[in-house]
């Protein structure tokens, strides 16, 4: 039951970010971090979810891929996932949207719990020992490159085509 006093609850969470700083979140409700997240929920509700599909691995077709999955003990990624609770998934995506500069970019909030999805958390899940280096990853290099959006538009869009 909601309190009629109008006071906001304060939740302190320990974010496992590189800075290792503790942050305070004003929790708007049990489902949403802020009023903006609650408003955003209606647009998330309209979207359909594309549920995960099983990865079918044919050992003779792609042995390197199959061997990597076995070597890293990632067979759980090639099995059918448990059925998802659509409401919880939509709540996760709703609260993952960033509305302020000081928001954790790789975290969400689901049913009152802080849910990180940063590189460290994913590597822990995959049981992968990631050794950070000073060399940029391929993804970081891609982000640093200038993207010519006009060239992409000229290539993909037909003049006079449908908007």
N, C-alpha and C. Protein backbone atom coordinates (compact mmCIF):
# COMPACT_ATOMS: atom_id res chain seq x y z
N UNK A 1 0.85 -1.17 0.00
CA UNK A 1 0.00 0.00 0.00
C UNK A 1 0.89 1.23 0.00
N UNK A 2 0.57 2.20 -0.80
CA UNK A 2 1.39 3.41 -0.92
C UNK A 2 1.16 4.31 0.28
N UNK A 3 2.21 4.99 0.68
CA UNK A 3 2.13 5.93 1.79
C UNK A 3 1.49 7.22 1.31
N UNK A 4 0.64 7.78 2.15
CA UNK A 4 -0.02 9.02 1.76
C UNK A 4 0.77 10.26 2.18
N UNK A 5 1.93 10.04 2.81
CA UNK A 5 2.72 11.17 3.28
C UNK A 5 3.41 11.92 2.15
N UNK A 6 3.52 11.28 0.98
CA UNK A 6 4.14 11.93 -0.16
C UNK A 6 5.66 11.92 -0.13
N UNK A 7 6.26 11.30 0.87
CA UNK A 7 7.72 11.29 0.94
C UNK A 7 8.27 10.25 -0.02
N UNK A 8 9.44 10.51 -0.52
CA UNK A 8 10.10 9.59 -1.43
C UNK A 8 11.04 8.70 -0.63
N UNK A 9 11.11 7.44 -1.03
CA UNK A 9 12.06 6.54 -0.39
C UNK A 9 13.43 6.79 -1.01
N UNK A 10 14.47 6.63 -0.24
CA UNK A 10 15.83 6.75 -0.75
C UNK A 10 16.45 5.37 -0.68
N UNK A 11 16.99 4.93 -1.80
CA UNK A 11 17.63 3.63 -1.85
C UNK A 11 19.09 3.85 -2.18
N UNK A 12 19.98 3.33 -1.35
CA UNK A 12 21.40 3.44 -1.62
C UNK A 12 21.85 2.11 -2.19
N UNK A 13 22.50 2.17 -3.34
CA UNK A 13 22.98 0.95 -3.96
C UNK A 13 24.47 1.07 -4.20
N UNK A 14 25.15 -0.04 -4.14
CA UNK A 14 26.58 -0.05 -4.44
C UNK A 14 26.73 -0.44 -5.89
N UNK A 15 27.03 0.50 -6.72
CA UNK A 15 27.21 0.22 -8.14
C UNK A 15 28.61 -0.32 -8.36
N UNK A 16 28.71 -1.39 -9.11
CA UNK A 16 30.01 -1.97 -9.42
C UNK A 16 30.57 -1.31 -10.66
N UNK A 17 30.71 0.00 -10.60
CA UNK A 17 31.26 0.73 -11.73
C UNK A 17 32.76 0.85 -11.54
N UNK A 18 33.44 1.34 -12.56
CA UNK A 18 34.88 1.53 -12.46
C UNK A 18 35.23 2.50 -11.35
N UNK A 19 34.39 3.45 -11.15
CA UNK A 19 34.65 4.42 -10.09
C UNK A 19 34.40 3.82 -8.72
N UNK A 20 33.59 2.77 -8.66
CA UNK A 20 33.31 2.11 -7.40
C UNK A 20 32.60 3.01 -6.41
N UNK A 21 31.90 4.01 -6.92
CA UNK A 21 31.25 4.96 -6.03
C UNK A 21 29.87 4.44 -5.65
N UNK A 22 29.44 4.85 -4.46
CA UNK A 22 28.08 4.54 -4.05
C UNK A 22 27.20 5.65 -4.60
N UNK A 23 26.02 5.30 -5.00
CA UNK A 23 25.12 6.32 -5.51
C UNK A 23 23.79 6.21 -4.79
N UNK A 24 23.11 7.32 -4.71
CA UNK A 24 21.79 7.34 -4.09
C UNK A 24 20.77 7.54 -5.18
N UNK A 25 19.74 6.73 -5.14
CA UNK A 25 18.66 6.86 -6.10
C UNK A 25 17.41 7.25 -5.36
N UNK A 26 16.69 8.19 -5.89
CA UNK A 26 15.36 8.46 -5.38
C UNK A 26 14.43 7.53 -6.13
N UNK A 27 13.85 6.61 -5.42
CA UNK A 27 12.98 5.63 -6.05
C UNK A 27 11.57 6.19 -6.09
N UNK A 28 11.07 6.36 -7.30
CA UNK A 28 9.75 6.96 -7.49
C UNK A 28 8.64 6.01 -7.04
N UNK A 29 8.77 4.71 -7.36
CA UNK A 29 7.78 3.72 -6.96
C UNK A 29 8.45 2.35 -6.95
N UNK A 30 7.67 1.31 -6.67
CA UNK A 30 8.23 -0.04 -6.70
C UNK A 30 8.57 -0.49 -8.12
N UNK A 31 7.97 0.14 -9.11
CA UNK A 31 8.19 -0.27 -10.50
C UNK A 31 9.07 0.68 -11.29
N UNK A 32 9.09 1.95 -10.94
CA UNK A 32 9.79 2.93 -11.76
C UNK A 32 10.74 3.78 -10.92
N UNK A 33 11.91 4.07 -11.51
CA UNK A 33 12.88 4.92 -10.81
C UNK A 33 12.40 6.35 -10.70
N UNK A 34 11.80 6.87 -11.76
CA UNK A 34 11.38 8.27 -11.78
C UNK A 34 10.03 8.40 -12.47
N UNK A 35 9.49 9.58 -12.40
CA UNK A 35 8.23 9.87 -13.10
C UNK A 35 8.44 9.76 -14.61
N UNK A 36 9.64 10.17 -15.09
CA UNK A 36 9.95 10.05 -16.52
C UNK A 36 9.92 8.59 -16.96
N UNK A 37 10.44 7.70 -16.12
CA UNK A 37 10.40 6.27 -16.45
C UNK A 37 8.96 5.76 -16.51
N UNK A 38 8.13 6.24 -15.60
CA UNK A 38 6.73 5.82 -15.61
C UNK A 38 6.05 6.27 -16.91
N UNK A 39 6.35 7.49 -17.36
CA UNK A 39 5.78 7.98 -18.62
C UNK A 39 6.31 7.16 -19.81
N UNK A 40 7.59 6.81 -19.75
CA UNK A 40 8.22 6.03 -20.83
C UNK A 40 7.63 4.62 -20.93
N UNK A 41 7.12 4.11 -19.82
CA UNK A 41 6.57 2.75 -19.78
C UNK A 41 5.46 2.55 -20.80
N UNK A 42 4.65 3.57 -21.03
CA UNK A 42 3.55 3.42 -22.00
C UNK A 42 4.07 3.15 -23.40
N UNK A 43 5.20 3.76 -23.78
CA UNK A 43 5.75 3.48 -25.11
C UNK A 43 6.38 2.09 -25.16
N UNK A 44 6.96 1.65 -24.05
CA UNK A 44 7.53 0.29 -24.00
C UNK A 44 6.41 -0.74 -24.06
N UNK A 45 5.29 -0.45 -23.42
CA UNK A 45 4.15 -1.37 -23.40
C UNK A 45 3.63 -1.66 -24.81
N UNK A 46 3.74 -0.69 -25.70
CA UNK A 46 3.22 -0.84 -27.07
C UNK A 46 4.11 -1.73 -27.93
N UNK A 47 5.33 -1.94 -27.51
CA UNK A 47 6.28 -2.70 -28.32
C UNK A 47 6.13 -4.20 -28.08
N UNK A 48 6.36 -4.96 -29.14
CA UNK A 48 6.35 -6.41 -29.01
C UNK A 48 7.77 -6.87 -28.70
N UNK A 49 7.87 -7.94 -27.94
CA UNK A 49 9.19 -8.49 -27.62
C UNK A 49 9.53 -9.59 -28.61
N UNK A 50 10.77 -9.61 -29.02
CA UNK A 50 11.28 -10.71 -29.83
C UNK A 50 11.98 -11.64 -28.86
N UNK A 51 11.36 -12.76 -28.59
CA UNK A 51 11.90 -13.67 -27.59
C UNK A 51 13.16 -14.34 -28.13
N UNK A 52 14.02 -14.75 -27.20
CA UNK A 52 15.28 -15.38 -27.59
C UNK A 52 15.02 -16.68 -28.33
N UNK A 53 15.90 -16.98 -29.22
CA UNK A 53 15.82 -18.22 -29.98
C UNK A 53 17.01 -19.10 -29.63
N UNK A 54 16.80 -20.38 -29.75
CA UNK A 54 17.88 -21.32 -29.50
C UNK A 54 18.90 -21.24 -30.63
N UNK A 55 20.16 -21.28 -30.25
CA UNK A 55 21.24 -21.32 -31.24
C UNK A 55 21.45 -22.79 -31.59
N UNK A 56 21.21 -23.14 -32.83
CA UNK A 56 21.41 -24.51 -33.26
C UNK A 56 22.81 -24.60 -33.86
N UNK A 57 23.64 -25.38 -33.23
CA UNK A 57 25.03 -25.49 -33.65
C UNK A 57 25.23 -26.82 -34.37
N UNK A 58 25.71 -26.73 -35.57
CA UNK A 58 26.02 -27.92 -36.36
C UNK A 58 27.54 -28.12 -36.31
N UNK A 59 28.01 -29.09 -35.54
CA UNK A 59 29.45 -29.26 -35.33
C UNK A 59 30.28 -29.34 -36.61
N UNK A 60 29.74 -29.94 -37.65
CA UNK A 60 30.52 -30.07 -38.88
C UNK A 60 30.56 -28.79 -39.70
N UNK A 61 29.57 -27.92 -39.51
CA UNK A 61 29.49 -26.70 -40.30
C UNK A 61 30.44 -25.62 -39.80
N UNK A 62 30.49 -25.44 -38.51
CA UNK A 62 31.32 -24.38 -37.94
C UNK A 62 32.07 -24.89 -36.71
N UNK A 63 33.08 -25.71 -36.93
CA UNK A 63 33.78 -26.33 -35.79
C UNK A 63 34.47 -25.33 -34.87
N UNK A 64 34.98 -24.24 -35.41
CA UNK A 64 35.67 -23.27 -34.55
C UNK A 64 34.69 -22.64 -33.56
N UNK A 65 33.49 -22.29 -34.04
CA UNK A 65 32.46 -21.72 -33.19
C UNK A 65 32.03 -22.73 -32.12
N UNK A 66 31.78 -23.97 -32.55
CA UNK A 66 31.38 -25.02 -31.62
C UNK A 66 32.44 -25.27 -30.57
N UNK A 67 33.69 -25.33 -30.99
CA UNK A 67 34.78 -25.56 -30.04
C UNK A 67 34.92 -24.42 -29.04
N UNK A 68 34.71 -23.20 -29.49
CA UNK A 68 34.78 -22.05 -28.58
C UNK A 68 33.68 -22.13 -27.53
N UNK A 69 32.47 -22.50 -27.94
CA UNK A 69 31.37 -22.64 -26.99
C UNK A 69 31.69 -23.72 -25.96
N UNK A 70 32.21 -24.83 -26.41
CA UNK A 70 32.56 -25.93 -25.48
C UNK A 70 33.71 -25.52 -24.56
N UNK A 71 34.75 -24.92 -25.14
CA UNK A 71 35.93 -24.54 -24.36
C UNK A 71 35.58 -23.54 -23.27
N UNK A 72 34.69 -22.62 -23.57
CA UNK A 72 34.32 -21.59 -22.59
C UNK A 72 33.15 -22.02 -21.69
N UNK A 73 32.65 -23.23 -21.91
CA UNK A 73 31.55 -23.76 -21.12
C UNK A 73 30.31 -22.86 -21.23
N UNK A 74 29.99 -22.47 -22.46
CA UNK A 74 28.85 -21.60 -22.72
C UNK A 74 27.66 -22.39 -23.28
N UNK A 75 27.59 -23.67 -23.01
CA UNK A 75 26.50 -24.48 -23.57
C UNK A 75 25.13 -23.97 -23.14
N UNK A 76 25.06 -23.28 -22.00
CA UNK A 76 23.78 -22.72 -21.55
C UNK A 76 23.24 -21.70 -22.56
N UNK A 77 24.13 -21.10 -23.34
CA UNK A 77 23.70 -20.12 -24.34
C UNK A 77 23.09 -20.79 -25.57
N UNK A 78 23.26 -22.09 -25.71
CA UNK A 78 22.73 -22.80 -26.87
C UNK A 78 21.50 -23.64 -26.51
N UNK A 79 20.96 -23.44 -25.32
CA UNK A 79 19.76 -24.16 -24.92
C UNK A 79 18.59 -23.19 -24.88
N UNK A 80 17.40 -23.73 -24.87
CA UNK A 80 16.22 -22.86 -24.80
C UNK A 80 16.20 -22.13 -23.47
N UNK A 81 16.01 -20.82 -23.49
CA UNK A 81 15.91 -20.09 -22.23
C UNK A 81 14.57 -20.38 -21.56
N UNK A 82 14.53 -20.16 -20.26
CA UNK A 82 13.26 -20.31 -19.54
C UNK A 82 12.28 -19.27 -20.06
N UNK A 83 11.00 -19.57 -20.02
CA UNK A 83 10.02 -18.57 -20.47
C UNK A 83 10.17 -17.26 -19.70
N UNK A 84 10.08 -16.17 -20.42
CA UNK A 84 10.27 -14.85 -19.80
C UNK A 84 8.95 -14.29 -19.32
N UNK A 85 9.01 -13.53 -18.25
CA UNK A 85 7.86 -12.78 -17.78
C UNK A 85 7.90 -11.45 -18.53
N UNK A 86 6.99 -11.27 -19.46
CA UNK A 86 6.99 -10.11 -20.35
C UNK A 86 6.93 -8.80 -19.56
N UNK A 87 6.13 -8.76 -18.51
CA UNK A 87 6.02 -7.53 -17.71
C UNK A 87 7.35 -7.17 -17.06
N UNK A 88 8.08 -8.16 -16.55
CA UNK A 88 9.38 -7.90 -15.92
C UNK A 88 10.38 -7.42 -16.96
N UNK A 89 10.37 -8.02 -18.14
CA UNK A 89 11.29 -7.62 -19.21
C UNK A 89 11.01 -6.17 -19.62
N UNK A 90 9.76 -5.82 -19.77
CA UNK A 90 9.41 -4.45 -20.16
C UNK A 90 9.75 -3.45 -19.05
N UNK A 91 9.60 -3.88 -17.82
CA UNK A 91 9.99 -3.03 -16.69
C UNK A 91 11.50 -2.79 -16.71
N UNK A 92 12.28 -3.84 -17.02
CA UNK A 92 13.73 -3.72 -17.12
C UNK A 92 14.10 -2.68 -18.18
N UNK A 93 13.53 -2.81 -19.39
CA UNK A 93 13.86 -1.88 -20.47
C UNK A 93 13.38 -0.47 -20.17
N UNK A 94 12.25 -0.34 -19.51
CA UNK A 94 11.75 0.98 -19.14
C UNK A 94 12.74 1.71 -18.25
N UNK A 95 13.20 1.04 -17.21
CA UNK A 95 14.09 1.67 -16.23
C UNK A 95 15.54 1.74 -16.68
N UNK A 96 15.88 1.06 -17.79
CA UNK A 96 17.25 1.14 -18.31
C UNK A 96 17.46 2.42 -19.11
N UNK A 97 16.38 3.05 -19.54
CA UNK A 97 16.51 4.30 -20.31
C UNK A 97 17.10 5.39 -19.41
N UNK A 98 18.01 6.15 -19.98
CA UNK A 98 18.70 7.20 -19.22
C UNK A 98 17.99 8.53 -19.42
N UNK A 99 17.60 9.14 -18.29
CA UNK A 99 16.94 10.44 -18.33
C UNK A 99 17.77 11.53 -17.66
N UNK A 100 18.90 11.17 -17.04
CA UNK A 100 19.73 12.19 -16.39
C UNK A 100 21.20 11.87 -16.60
N UNK A 101 22.02 12.91 -16.49
CA UNK A 101 23.47 12.74 -16.72
C UNK A 101 24.13 11.82 -15.71
N UNK A 102 23.65 11.80 -14.48
CA UNK A 102 24.32 11.01 -13.45
C UNK A 102 23.76 9.59 -13.33
N UNK A 103 22.92 9.18 -14.27
CA UNK A 103 22.37 7.82 -14.24
C UNK A 103 23.45 6.82 -14.65
N UNK A 104 23.41 5.66 -14.05
CA UNK A 104 24.33 4.58 -14.40
C UNK A 104 23.93 4.07 -15.79
N UNK A 105 24.83 4.15 -16.79
CA UNK A 105 24.45 3.80 -18.16
C UNK A 105 24.23 2.30 -18.39
N UNK A 106 24.70 1.47 -17.50
CA UNK A 106 24.56 0.03 -17.69
C UNK A 106 23.87 -0.60 -16.49
N UNK A 107 22.71 -0.05 -16.15
CA UNK A 107 21.96 -0.58 -15.02
C UNK A 107 20.48 -0.30 -15.21
N UNK A 108 19.69 -1.12 -14.57
CA UNK A 108 18.25 -0.91 -14.56
C UNK A 108 17.74 -1.18 -13.15
N UNK A 109 16.45 -1.23 -13.02
CA UNK A 109 15.79 -1.37 -11.73
C UNK A 109 14.55 -2.21 -11.99
N UNK A 110 14.45 -3.36 -11.32
CA UNK A 110 13.30 -4.23 -11.53
C UNK A 110 12.76 -4.69 -10.19
N UNK A 111 11.50 -4.42 -9.96
CA UNK A 111 10.81 -4.83 -8.74
C UNK A 111 11.59 -4.48 -7.48
N UNK A 112 12.13 -3.26 -7.47
CA UNK A 112 12.84 -2.79 -6.29
C UNK A 112 14.29 -3.22 -6.19
N UNK A 113 14.82 -3.86 -7.23
CA UNK A 113 16.20 -4.34 -7.19
C UNK A 113 17.03 -3.70 -8.30
N UNK A 114 18.24 -3.31 -7.92
CA UNK A 114 19.22 -2.76 -8.87
C UNK A 114 19.72 -3.91 -9.73
N UNK A 115 19.70 -3.74 -11.06
CA UNK A 115 20.13 -4.80 -11.99
C UNK A 115 21.19 -4.23 -12.92
N UNK A 116 22.47 -4.52 -12.64
CA UNK A 116 23.53 -4.04 -13.54
C UNK A 116 23.63 -4.94 -14.77
N UNK A 117 24.00 -4.36 -15.90
CA UNK A 117 24.28 -5.17 -17.09
C UNK A 117 25.53 -4.64 -17.77
N UNK A 118 26.53 -4.30 -16.94
CA UNK A 118 27.80 -3.80 -17.45
C UNK A 118 28.70 -4.97 -17.88
N UNK A 119 29.85 -4.65 -18.42
CA UNK A 119 30.76 -5.68 -18.92
C UNK A 119 31.17 -6.65 -17.82
N UNK A 120 31.43 -6.13 -16.64
CA UNK A 120 31.86 -7.00 -15.53
C UNK A 120 30.77 -8.01 -15.17
N UNK A 121 29.53 -7.57 -15.11
CA UNK A 121 28.42 -8.46 -14.77
C UNK A 121 28.23 -9.53 -15.84
N UNK A 122 28.28 -9.13 -17.10
CA UNK A 122 28.11 -10.09 -18.19
C UNK A 122 29.26 -11.09 -18.21
N UNK A 123 30.50 -10.61 -18.02
CA UNK A 123 31.63 -11.53 -17.98
C UNK A 123 31.55 -12.48 -16.80
N UNK A 124 31.05 -12.01 -15.66
CA UNK A 124 30.84 -12.90 -14.52
C UNK A 124 29.83 -13.99 -14.87
N UNK A 125 28.73 -13.60 -15.53
CA UNK A 125 27.71 -14.56 -15.93
C UNK A 125 28.29 -15.61 -16.88
N UNK A 126 29.11 -15.16 -17.82
CA UNK A 126 29.71 -16.06 -18.80
C UNK A 126 30.95 -16.77 -18.28
N UNK A 127 31.33 -16.44 -17.04
CA UNK A 127 32.53 -17.02 -16.43
C UNK A 127 33.76 -16.73 -17.30
N UNK A 128 33.84 -15.50 -17.77
CA UNK A 128 34.93 -15.06 -18.63
C UNK A 128 35.85 -14.14 -17.84
N UNK A 129 37.14 -14.40 -17.92
CA UNK A 129 38.12 -13.56 -17.24
C UNK A 129 38.61 -12.52 -18.24
N UNK A 130 38.08 -11.32 -18.16
CA UNK A 130 38.44 -10.25 -19.09
C UNK A 130 39.61 -9.47 -18.54
N UNK A 131 40.68 -9.39 -19.29
CA UNK A 131 41.85 -8.62 -18.90
C UNK A 131 41.82 -7.28 -19.62
N UNK A 132 41.51 -6.25 -18.88
CA UNK A 132 41.46 -4.91 -19.48
C UNK A 132 42.87 -4.47 -19.86
N UNK A 133 42.98 -3.81 -21.01
CA UNK A 133 44.26 -3.29 -21.47
C UNK A 133 44.07 -1.83 -21.87
N UNK A 134 45.18 -1.19 -22.19
CA UNK A 134 45.11 0.20 -22.65
C UNK A 134 44.69 0.27 -24.12
N UNK A 135 44.75 -0.86 -24.82
CA UNK A 135 44.36 -0.90 -26.22
C UNK A 135 42.84 -0.83 -26.32
N UNK A 136 42.31 0.00 -27.21
CA UNK A 136 40.85 0.06 -27.36
C UNK A 136 40.32 -1.22 -28.00
N UNK A 137 39.12 -1.59 -27.60
CA UNK A 137 38.47 -2.75 -28.22
C UNK A 137 38.00 -2.34 -29.61
N UNK A 138 37.61 -3.32 -30.42
CA UNK A 138 37.09 -3.03 -31.75
C UNK A 138 35.87 -2.11 -31.66
N UNK A 139 35.04 -2.35 -30.66
CA UNK A 139 33.83 -1.54 -30.48
C UNK A 139 34.21 -0.10 -30.13
N UNK A 140 35.16 0.09 -29.24
CA UNK A 140 35.60 1.44 -28.88
C UNK A 140 36.20 2.17 -30.08
N UNK A 141 36.92 1.43 -30.91
CA UNK A 141 37.49 2.02 -32.11
C UNK A 141 36.38 2.47 -33.05
N UNK A 142 35.36 1.63 -33.20
CA UNK A 142 34.23 1.98 -34.05
C UNK A 142 33.52 3.23 -33.54
N UNK A 143 33.34 3.33 -32.23
CA UNK A 143 32.68 4.50 -31.65
C UNK A 143 33.49 5.77 -31.88
N UNK A 144 34.81 5.64 -31.94
CA UNK A 144 35.67 6.80 -32.13
C UNK A 144 35.74 7.27 -33.57
N UNK A 145 35.35 6.42 -34.51
CA UNK A 145 35.39 6.79 -35.93
C UNK A 145 34.25 7.75 -36.26
N UNK A 146 34.53 8.64 -37.18
CA UNK A 146 33.49 9.54 -37.67
C UNK A 146 32.55 8.73 -38.56
N UNK A 147 31.28 8.87 -38.34
CA UNK A 147 30.29 8.17 -39.14
C UNK A 147 29.64 9.17 -40.09
N UNK A 148 29.68 8.87 -41.36
CA UNK A 148 29.10 9.76 -42.37
C UNK A 148 27.65 9.34 -42.60
N UNK A 149 26.75 9.91 -41.80
CA UNK A 149 25.34 9.54 -41.88
C UNK A 149 24.72 9.93 -43.21
N UNK A 150 25.20 11.01 -43.80
CA UNK A 150 24.67 11.42 -45.10
C UNK A 150 25.03 10.40 -46.18
N UNK A 151 26.23 9.83 -46.11
CA UNK A 151 26.62 8.80 -47.07
C UNK A 151 25.77 7.55 -46.88
N UNK A 152 25.47 7.22 -45.65
CA UNK A 152 24.61 6.06 -45.37
C UNK A 152 23.22 6.31 -45.95
N UNK A 153 22.71 7.52 -45.73
CA UNK A 153 21.38 7.86 -46.24
C UNK A 153 21.36 7.81 -47.77
N UNK A 154 22.40 8.36 -48.42
CA UNK A 154 22.46 8.34 -49.89
C UNK A 154 22.49 6.91 -50.41
N UNK A 155 23.17 6.03 -49.69
CA UNK A 155 23.30 4.64 -50.13
C UNK A 155 22.01 3.85 -49.93
N UNK A 156 21.36 4.07 -48.80
CA UNK A 156 20.20 3.24 -48.44
C UNK A 156 18.86 3.80 -48.88
N UNK A 157 18.76 5.10 -49.06
CA UNK A 157 17.47 5.72 -49.34
C UNK A 157 17.33 6.07 -50.82
N UNK A 158 16.17 5.77 -51.35
CA UNK A 158 15.87 6.08 -52.74
C UNK A 158 15.16 7.42 -52.78
N UNK A 159 15.66 8.38 -53.61
CA UNK A 159 14.97 9.67 -53.71
C UNK A 159 13.51 9.48 -54.11
N UNK A 160 12.62 10.14 -53.40
CA UNK A 160 11.19 10.03 -53.68
C UNK A 160 10.55 8.77 -53.13
N UNK A 161 11.33 7.97 -52.38
CA UNK A 161 10.78 6.74 -51.79
C UNK A 161 9.90 7.04 -50.60
N UNK A 162 9.40 6.02 -49.97
CA UNK A 162 8.50 6.17 -48.83
C UNK A 162 9.30 6.60 -47.61
N UNK A 163 8.73 7.47 -46.82
CA UNK A 163 9.39 7.96 -45.61
C UNK A 163 9.23 6.96 -44.50
